[in-house]
Amino acid sequence: MMGLARDPDRWRCGINYVGVTDINLMFDVTWSDMADSDFLRYTAKQMIGDPELDAAQLKATSPLENAARIKAPVLMAYGGGDQRVPLVHGEKMRDALLKRGAAVEWVVYTDEGHGFLLEANRYDFYRRVARFLDANIGANAVKLPLR
């Protein structure tokens, strides 16, 4: 998502698959599986950034904070039970994109977590990806049979 925001004229489309959309949400969301982790408590502030000390940098490099710069259509897919990157990441990003009139294809697999393990969901997702790329890249897209 940050690539789409940083270089908006470079991309014809983008796909966000269970993606973090704002580092601050990693620190703020208390129901994620990382919320009470040693990584978040002791290491993340040094490796990723401190929400207080590095607030300006985290804002500058947040896809959510830079959503208004995104021009390309986006396919966003999340698991409804994802505890690693909770659905709120996608919902906030989707809402920010839609608010400015961006084209967003949104799908939530309610019975999935962080990654799609059920075969039917994987097939559905990759069919969506193929159609999305075909629609947004056109003649340069790889043609895959869609059932």
N, C-alpha and C. Protein backbone atom coordinates (compact mmCIF):
# COMPACT_ATOMS: atom_id res chain seq x y z
N MET A 1 0.82 -1.19 0.00
CA MET A 1 0.00 0.00 0.00
C MET A 1 0.87 1.25 0.00
N MET A 2 2.00 1.19 0.66
CA MET A 2 2.85 2.39 0.70
C MET A 2 3.44 2.67 -0.67
N GLY A 3 3.72 1.64 -1.45
CA GLY A 3 4.20 1.88 -2.81
C GLY A 3 3.19 2.66 -3.62
N LEU A 4 1.92 2.31 -3.48
CA LEU A 4 0.86 3.02 -4.19
C LEU A 4 0.77 4.48 -3.74
N ALA A 5 1.04 4.73 -2.48
CA ALA A 5 0.97 6.10 -1.95
C ALA A 5 2.24 6.89 -2.28
N ARG A 6 3.39 6.23 -2.19
CA ARG A 6 4.66 6.93 -2.42
C ARG A 6 4.86 7.29 -3.88
N ASP A 7 4.51 6.38 -4.79
CA ASP A 7 4.69 6.58 -6.23
C ASP A 7 3.37 6.37 -6.95
N PRO A 8 2.39 7.25 -6.76
CA PRO A 8 1.05 7.01 -7.28
C PRO A 8 0.96 6.90 -8.81
N ASP A 9 1.88 7.52 -9.53
CA ASP A 9 1.82 7.46 -10.99
C ASP A 9 2.51 6.23 -11.57
N ARG A 10 3.15 5.46 -10.74
CA ARG A 10 3.90 4.29 -11.19
C ARG A 10 3.03 3.04 -11.35
N TRP A 11 1.95 2.95 -10.59
CA TRP A 11 1.19 1.71 -10.48
C TRP A 11 -0.16 1.81 -11.18
N ARG A 12 -0.54 0.73 -11.86
CA ARG A 12 -1.85 0.66 -12.50
C ARG A 12 -2.89 0.09 -11.55
N CYS A 13 -2.44 -0.67 -10.56
CA CYS A 13 -3.34 -1.23 -9.56
C CYS A 13 -2.50 -1.79 -8.42
N GLY A 14 -3.18 -2.19 -7.35
CA GLY A 14 -2.48 -2.77 -6.21
C GLY A 14 -3.34 -3.82 -5.53
N ILE A 15 -2.67 -4.76 -4.88
CA ILE A 15 -3.36 -5.82 -4.14
C ILE A 15 -2.84 -5.82 -2.71
N ASN A 16 -3.76 -5.70 -1.77
CA ASN A 16 -3.44 -5.73 -0.35
C ASN A 16 -4.01 -7.03 0.21
N TYR A 17 -3.12 -7.95 0.51
CA TYR A 17 -3.50 -9.26 1.05
C TYR A 17 -3.12 -9.29 2.53
N VAL A 18 -4.09 -9.20 3.41
CA VAL A 18 -3.95 -9.19 4.87
C VAL A 18 -2.86 -8.23 5.35
N GLY A 19 -2.79 -7.05 4.75
CA GLY A 19 -1.69 -6.14 5.00
C GLY A 19 -1.90 -5.14 6.12
N VAL A 20 -0.80 -4.87 6.83
CA VAL A 20 -0.75 -3.79 7.82
C VAL A 20 -0.90 -2.49 7.05
N THR A 21 -1.76 -1.59 7.50
CA THR A 21 -1.95 -0.32 6.82
C THR A 21 -1.49 0.87 7.65
N ASP A 22 -1.17 0.63 8.91
CA ASP A 22 -0.69 1.70 9.77
C ASP A 22 0.04 1.08 10.96
N ILE A 23 1.30 1.42 11.12
CA ILE A 23 2.11 0.85 12.20
C ILE A 23 1.50 1.15 13.57
N ASN A 24 0.92 2.34 13.72
CA ASN A 24 0.33 2.68 15.02
C ASN A 24 -0.77 1.70 15.42
N LEU A 25 -1.48 1.16 14.45
CA LEU A 25 -2.52 0.18 14.79
C LEU A 25 -1.92 -1.07 15.41
N MET A 26 -0.67 -1.40 15.05
CA MET A 26 -0.02 -2.55 15.68
C MET A 26 0.13 -2.32 17.18
N PHE A 27 0.37 -1.08 17.56
CA PHE A 27 0.54 -0.75 18.98
C PHE A 27 -0.79 -0.50 19.67
N ASP A 28 -1.79 -0.02 18.92
CA ASP A 28 -3.08 0.38 19.51
C ASP A 28 -4.10 -0.74 19.64
N VAL A 29 -4.07 -1.69 18.71
CA VAL A 29 -5.09 -2.75 18.70
C VAL A 29 -4.75 -3.77 19.79
N THR A 30 -5.59 -3.83 20.79
CA THR A 30 -5.28 -4.66 21.96
C THR A 30 -5.73 -6.11 21.82
N TRP A 31 -6.49 -6.44 20.77
CA TRP A 31 -6.97 -7.80 20.62
C TRP A 31 -6.15 -8.62 19.62
N SER A 32 -5.06 -8.05 19.11
CA SER A 32 -4.25 -8.82 18.17
C SER A 32 -3.37 -9.81 18.93
N ASP A 33 -2.84 -10.79 18.22
CA ASP A 33 -1.96 -11.76 18.88
C ASP A 33 -0.59 -11.17 19.19
N MET A 34 -0.33 -9.96 18.69
CA MET A 34 0.94 -9.29 18.97
C MET A 34 0.80 -8.33 20.16
N ALA A 35 -0.42 -8.00 20.54
CA ALA A 35 -0.67 -6.96 21.55
C ALA A 35 0.08 -7.21 22.85
N ASP A 36 0.16 -8.43 23.27
CA ASP A 36 0.81 -8.74 24.54
C ASP A 36 2.13 -9.48 24.33
N SER A 37 2.71 -9.34 23.14
CA SER A 37 3.92 -10.10 22.83
C SER A 37 5.17 -9.39 23.34
N ASP A 38 6.20 -10.19 23.59
CA ASP A 38 7.49 -9.63 23.98
C ASP A 38 8.06 -8.76 22.86
N PHE A 39 7.81 -9.16 21.60
CA PHE A 39 8.28 -8.38 20.47
C PHE A 39 7.73 -6.95 20.53
N LEU A 40 6.44 -6.83 20.69
CA LEU A 40 5.83 -5.50 20.72
C LEU A 40 6.26 -4.71 21.95
N ARG A 41 6.38 -5.41 23.05
CA ARG A 41 6.71 -4.76 24.33
C ARG A 41 8.17 -4.31 24.37
N TYR A 42 9.11 -5.13 23.83
CA TYR A 42 10.53 -4.84 24.03
C TYR A 42 11.31 -4.50 22.76
N THR A 43 10.89 -4.99 21.62
CA THR A 43 11.73 -4.90 20.43
C THR A 43 11.16 -3.99 19.35
N ALA A 44 9.87 -3.99 19.17
CA ALA A 44 9.25 -3.29 18.04
C ALA A 44 9.58 -1.80 18.00
N LYS A 45 9.64 -1.17 19.15
CA LYS A 45 9.91 0.27 19.16
C LYS A 45 11.30 0.59 18.63
N GLN A 46 12.26 -0.32 18.81
CA GLN A 46 13.60 -0.11 18.27
C GLN A 46 13.66 -0.53 16.79
N MET A 47 12.98 -1.61 16.44
CA MET A 47 13.07 -2.12 15.07
C MET A 47 12.15 -1.39 14.09
N ILE A 48 10.96 -1.01 14.54
CA ILE A 48 9.96 -0.42 13.65
C ILE A 48 9.84 1.08 13.89
N GLY A 49 9.78 1.47 15.13
CA GLY A 49 9.62 2.87 15.49
C GLY A 49 8.77 3.01 16.72
N ASP A 50 9.07 4.01 17.50
CA ASP A 50 8.33 4.30 18.72
C ASP A 50 7.17 5.22 18.38
N PRO A 51 5.94 4.85 18.73
CA PRO A 51 4.78 5.67 18.39
C PRO A 51 4.87 7.10 18.90
N GLU A 52 5.58 7.32 19.99
CA GLU A 52 5.71 8.67 20.52
C GLU A 52 6.95 9.38 19.98
N LEU A 53 8.10 8.75 20.10
CA LEU A 53 9.35 9.39 19.67
C LEU A 53 9.46 9.51 18.16
N ASP A 54 8.88 8.59 17.43
CA ASP A 54 9.00 8.57 15.97
C ASP A 54 7.66 8.87 15.29
N ALA A 55 6.80 9.60 15.97
CA ALA A 55 5.44 9.84 15.46
C ALA A 55 5.44 10.47 14.07
N ALA A 56 6.30 11.43 13.82
CA ALA A 56 6.32 12.09 12.50
C ALA A 56 6.72 11.12 11.41
N GLN A 57 7.72 10.30 11.68
CA GLN A 57 8.17 9.32 10.68
C GLN A 57 7.11 8.26 10.43
N LEU A 58 6.47 7.77 11.48
CA LEU A 58 5.43 6.76 11.31
C LEU A 58 4.24 7.31 10.53
N LYS A 59 3.93 8.57 10.73
CA LYS A 59 2.84 9.20 9.98
C LYS A 59 3.24 9.36 8.51
N ALA A 60 4.47 9.76 8.27
CA ALA A 60 4.94 9.97 6.90
C ALA A 60 4.99 8.68 6.10
N THR A 61 5.19 7.56 6.78
CA THR A 61 5.32 6.27 6.08
C THR A 61 4.12 5.36 6.31
N SER A 62 3.00 5.94 6.70
CA SER A 62 1.78 5.17 6.92
C SER A 62 0.91 5.19 5.67
N PRO A 63 0.60 4.03 5.09
CA PRO A 63 -0.33 4.02 3.96
C PRO A 63 -1.67 4.66 4.32
N LEU A 64 -2.16 4.39 5.51
CA LEU A 64 -3.44 4.96 5.94
C LEU A 64 -3.39 6.49 5.96
N GLU A 65 -2.32 7.04 6.50
CA GLU A 65 -2.17 8.50 6.57
C GLU A 65 -1.98 9.12 5.18
N ASN A 66 -1.53 8.32 4.22
CA ASN A 66 -1.25 8.81 2.87
C ASN A 66 -2.25 8.30 1.84
N ALA A 67 -3.39 7.82 2.29
CA ALA A 67 -4.38 7.22 1.39
C ALA A 67 -4.84 8.18 0.30
N ALA A 68 -4.87 9.46 0.57
CA ALA A 68 -5.34 10.44 -0.42
C ALA A 68 -4.43 10.50 -1.64
N ARG A 69 -3.21 10.02 -1.52
CA ARG A 69 -2.28 10.03 -2.66
C ARG A 69 -2.49 8.85 -3.60
N ILE A 70 -3.19 7.82 -3.16
CA ILE A 70 -3.36 6.61 -3.96
C ILE A 70 -4.37 6.86 -5.07
N LYS A 71 -3.94 6.58 -6.30
CA LYS A 71 -4.77 6.78 -7.48
C LYS A 71 -5.26 5.45 -8.07
N ALA A 72 -4.49 4.42 -7.92
CA ALA A 72 -4.76 3.14 -8.59
C ALA A 72 -5.87 2.37 -7.89
N PRO A 73 -6.62 1.56 -8.65
CA PRO A 73 -7.60 0.66 -8.03
C PRO A 73 -6.89 -0.34 -7.12
N VAL A 74 -7.57 -0.75 -6.06
CA VAL A 74 -6.96 -1.67 -5.09
C VAL A 74 -7.92 -2.82 -4.80
N LEU A 75 -7.38 -4.04 -4.81
CA LEU A 75 -8.07 -5.23 -4.33
C LEU A 75 -7.57 -5.46 -2.92
N MET A 76 -8.49 -5.50 -1.96
CA MET A 76 -8.12 -5.70 -0.56
C MET A 76 -8.80 -6.96 -0.05
N ALA A 77 -8.02 -7.86 0.54
CA ALA A 77 -8.55 -9.13 1.04
C ALA A 77 -8.04 -9.39 2.45
N TYR A 78 -8.97 -9.71 3.33
CA TYR A 78 -8.63 -9.94 4.74
C TYR A 78 -9.38 -11.15 5.27
N GLY A 79 -8.84 -11.72 6.34
CA GLY A 79 -9.52 -12.77 7.07
C GLY A 79 -10.29 -12.17 8.23
N GLY A 80 -11.55 -12.53 8.36
CA GLY A 80 -12.39 -11.98 9.41
C GLY A 80 -11.91 -12.32 10.82
N GLY A 81 -11.19 -13.43 10.96
CA GLY A 81 -10.68 -13.84 12.26
C GLY A 81 -9.19 -13.61 12.43
N ASP A 82 -8.61 -12.74 11.60
CA ASP A 82 -7.17 -12.49 11.65
C ASP A 82 -6.81 -11.79 12.95
N GLN A 83 -5.95 -12.43 13.73
CA GLN A 83 -5.48 -11.82 14.97
C GLN A 83 -4.08 -11.25 14.82
N ARG A 84 -3.41 -11.53 13.71
CA ARG A 84 -2.08 -10.96 13.46
C ARG A 84 -2.22 -9.54 12.90
N VAL A 85 -3.05 -9.39 11.87
CA VAL A 85 -3.37 -8.08 11.29
C VAL A 85 -4.90 -7.99 11.32
N PRO A 86 -5.45 -7.53 12.44
CA PRO A 86 -6.90 -7.48 12.58
C PRO A 86 -7.58 -6.69 11.46
N LEU A 87 -8.80 -7.06 11.20
CA LEU A 87 -9.60 -6.50 10.12
C LEU A 87 -9.65 -4.98 10.13
N VAL A 88 -9.49 -4.37 11.28
CA VAL A 88 -9.54 -2.91 11.38
C VAL A 88 -8.50 -2.25 10.47
N HIS A 89 -7.37 -2.90 10.23
CA HIS A 89 -6.37 -2.36 9.31
C HIS A 89 -6.99 -2.15 7.93
N GLY A 90 -7.64 -3.18 7.45
CA GLY A 90 -8.26 -3.09 6.13
C GLY A 90 -9.45 -2.15 6.11
N GLU A 91 -10.28 -2.21 7.13
CA GLU A 91 -11.48 -1.38 7.16
C GLU A 91 -11.13 0.11 7.14
N LYS A 92 -10.15 0.50 7.93
CA LYS A 92 -9.76 1.91 7.97
C LYS A 92 -9.17 2.34 6.63
N MET A 93 -8.36 1.48 6.02
CA MET A 93 -7.76 1.81 4.72
C MET A 93 -8.84 1.88 3.65
N ARG A 94 -9.72 0.90 3.63
CA ARG A 94 -10.82 0.89 2.66
C ARG A 94 -11.65 2.16 2.79
N ASP A 95 -12.02 2.51 4.00
CA ASP A 95 -12.85 3.69 4.22
C ASP A 95 -12.14 4.96 3.76
N ALA A 96 -10.83 5.06 4.04
CA ALA A 96 -10.07 6.23 3.62
C ALA A 96 -10.01 6.33 2.09
N LEU A 97 -9.85 5.20 1.43
CA LEU A 97 -9.81 5.19 -0.04
C LEU A 97 -11.16 5.54 -0.63
N LEU A 98 -12.21 4.93 -0.10
CA LEU A 98 -13.55 5.19 -0.62
C LEU A 98 -13.96 6.65 -0.38
N LYS A 99 -13.54 7.21 0.73
CA LYS A 99 -13.86 8.60 1.05
C LYS A 99 -13.38 9.55 -0.04
N ARG A 100 -12.25 9.22 -0.65
CA ARG A 100 -11.72 10.09 -1.70
C ARG A 100 -12.09 9.59 -3.11
N GLY A 101 -12.98 8.60 -3.17
CA GLY A 101 -13.49 8.13 -4.45
C GLY A 101 -12.64 7.11 -5.18
N ALA A 102 -11.72 6.48 -4.49
CA ALA A 102 -10.86 5.48 -5.11
C ALA A 102 -11.64 4.20 -5.41
N ALA A 103 -11.18 3.46 -6.39
CA ALA A 103 -11.79 2.18 -6.74
C ALA A 103 -11.21 1.10 -5.81
N VAL A 104 -12.09 0.47 -5.04
CA VAL A 104 -11.67 -0.56 -4.09
C VAL A 104 -12.54 -1.79 -4.29
N GLU A 105 -11.87 -2.93 -4.49
CA GLU A 105 -12.58 -4.21 -4.43
C GLU A 105 -12.25 -4.81 -3.08
N TRP A 106 -13.25 -5.13 -2.30
CA TRP A 106 -13.10 -5.52 -0.90
C TRP A 106 -13.65 -6.92 -0.70
N VAL A 107 -12.89 -7.78 -0.07
CA VAL A 107 -13.39 -9.10 0.26
C VAL A 107 -12.86 -9.50 1.64
N VAL A 108 -13.76 -10.04 2.45
CA VAL A 108 -13.40 -10.58 3.76
C VAL A 108 -13.86 -12.02 3.79
N TYR A 109 -12.94 -12.91 4.11
CA TYR A 109 -13.27 -14.32 4.30
C TYR A 109 -13.46 -14.51 5.80
N THR A 110 -14.71 -14.56 6.23
CA THR A 110 -15.03 -14.54 7.66
C THR A 110 -14.44 -15.72 8.43
N ASP A 111 -14.23 -16.83 7.74
CA ASP A 111 -13.74 -18.04 8.42
C ASP A 111 -12.23 -18.22 8.29
N GLU A 112 -11.52 -17.16 7.95
CA GLU A 112 -10.07 -17.23 7.80
C GLU A 112 -9.37 -16.31 8.80
N GLY A 113 -8.09 -16.59 9.01
CA GLY A 113 -7.25 -15.75 9.85
C GLY A 113 -6.25 -15.01 8.99
N HIS A 114 -4.99 -15.05 9.39
CA HIS A 114 -3.92 -14.35 8.67
C HIS A 114 -3.38 -15.26 7.57
N GLY A 115 -4.03 -15.22 6.44
CA GLY A 115 -3.73 -16.12 5.33
C GLY A 115 -4.93 -17.00 5.12
N PHE A 116 -5.09 -17.45 3.91
CA PHE A 116 -6.30 -18.20 3.57
C PHE A 116 -5.96 -19.68 3.45
N LEU A 117 -6.46 -20.47 4.38
CA LEU A 117 -6.15 -21.89 4.45
C LEU A 117 -7.20 -22.77 3.79
N LEU A 118 -8.44 -22.30 3.75
CA LEU A 118 -9.50 -23.11 3.16
C LEU A 118 -9.40 -23.05 1.64
N GLU A 119 -9.43 -24.22 1.02
CA GLU A 119 -9.23 -24.31 -0.42
C GLU A 119 -10.21 -23.44 -1.21
N ALA A 120 -11.47 -23.46 -0.84
CA ALA A 120 -12.47 -22.66 -1.56
C ALA A 120 -12.14 -21.17 -1.50
N ASN A 121 -11.64 -20.72 -0.36
CA ASN A 121 -11.29 -19.30 -0.23
C ASN A 121 -10.04 -18.96 -1.04
N ARG A 122 -9.07 -19.86 -1.04
CA ARG A 122 -7.87 -19.62 -1.85
C ARG A 122 -8.23 -19.53 -3.32
N TYR A 123 -9.04 -20.47 -3.80
CA TYR A 123 -9.45 -20.44 -5.21
C TYR A 123 -10.21 -19.16 -5.51
N ASP A 124 -11.12 -18.79 -4.63
CA ASP A 124 -11.89 -17.58 -4.85
C ASP A 124 -10.96 -16.36 -4.89
N PHE A 125 -10.05 -16.27 -3.94
CA PHE A 125 -9.15 -15.13 -3.89
C PHE A 125 -8.30 -15.04 -5.15
N TYR A 126 -7.68 -16.13 -5.57
CA TYR A 126 -6.79 -16.06 -6.74
C TYR A 126 -7.56 -15.85 -8.03
N ARG A 127 -8.81 -16.28 -8.10
CA ARG A 127 -9.65 -15.93 -9.26
C ARG A 127 -9.91 -14.43 -9.27
N ARG A 128 -10.18 -13.88 -8.09
CA ARG A 128 -10.38 -12.43 -7.99
C ARG A 128 -9.12 -11.68 -8.43
N VAL A 129 -7.97 -12.17 -7.97
CA VAL A 129 -6.70 -11.54 -8.34
C VAL A 129 -6.54 -11.56 -9.86
N ALA A 130 -6.78 -12.70 -10.47
CA ALA A 130 -6.62 -12.82 -11.93
C ALA A 130 -7.56 -11.86 -12.66
N ARG A 131 -8.81 -11.82 -12.25
CA ARG A 131 -9.77 -10.91 -12.89
C ARG A 131 -9.39 -9.45 -12.66
N PHE A 132 -8.96 -9.14 -11.44
CA PHE A 132 -8.58 -7.77 -11.10
C PHE A 132 -7.38 -7.32 -11.94
N LEU A 133 -6.38 -8.18 -12.03
CA LEU A 133 -5.20 -7.83 -12.84
C LEU A 133 -5.57 -7.72 -14.32
N ASP A 134 -6.40 -8.62 -14.80
CA ASP A 134 -6.81 -8.56 -16.20
C ASP A 134 -7.56 -7.26 -16.49
N ALA A 135 -8.42 -6.86 -15.58
CA ALA A 135 -9.20 -5.64 -15.77
C ALA A 135 -8.35 -4.38 -15.69
N ASN A 136 -7.29 -4.42 -14.89
CA ASN A 136 -6.51 -3.21 -14.65
C ASN A 136 -5.18 -3.14 -15.38
N ILE A 137 -4.74 -4.26 -15.88
CA ILE A 137 -3.50 -4.26 -16.65
C ILE A 137 -3.78 -4.54 -18.12
N GLY A 138 -4.90 -5.19 -18.38
CA GLY A 138 -5.35 -5.40 -19.75
C GLY A 138 -4.50 -6.37 -20.54
N ALA A 139 -4.09 -5.94 -21.72
CA ALA A 139 -3.39 -6.81 -22.66
C ALA A 139 -2.08 -7.35 -22.10
N ASN A 140 -1.51 -6.69 -21.14
CA ASN A 140 -0.24 -7.15 -20.55
C ASN A 140 -0.43 -8.21 -19.46
N ALA A 141 -1.70 -8.48 -19.12
CA ALA A 141 -1.97 -9.44 -18.06
C ALA A 141 -1.79 -10.86 -18.56
N VAL A 142 -1.37 -11.72 -17.66
CA VAL A 142 -1.28 -13.15 -17.97
C VAL A 142 -2.70 -13.69 -18.00
N LYS A 143 -3.03 -14.41 -19.07
CA LYS A 143 -4.37 -14.96 -19.20
C LYS A 143 -4.45 -16.30 -18.49
N LEU A 144 -5.31 -16.40 -17.49
CA LEU A 144 -5.51 -17.63 -16.75
C LEU A 144 -6.95 -18.08 -16.95
N PRO A 145 -7.18 -19.38 -17.05
CA PRO A 145 -8.56 -19.84 -17.16
C PRO A 145 -9.32 -19.57 -15.87
N LEU A 146 -10.47 -18.96 -15.98
CA LEU A 146 -11.31 -18.67 -14.82
C LEU A 146 -12.54 -19.53 -14.90
N ARG A 147 -12.78 -20.34 -13.88
CA ARG A 147 -13.95 -21.21 -13.86
C ARG A 147 -15.14 -20.50 -13.33
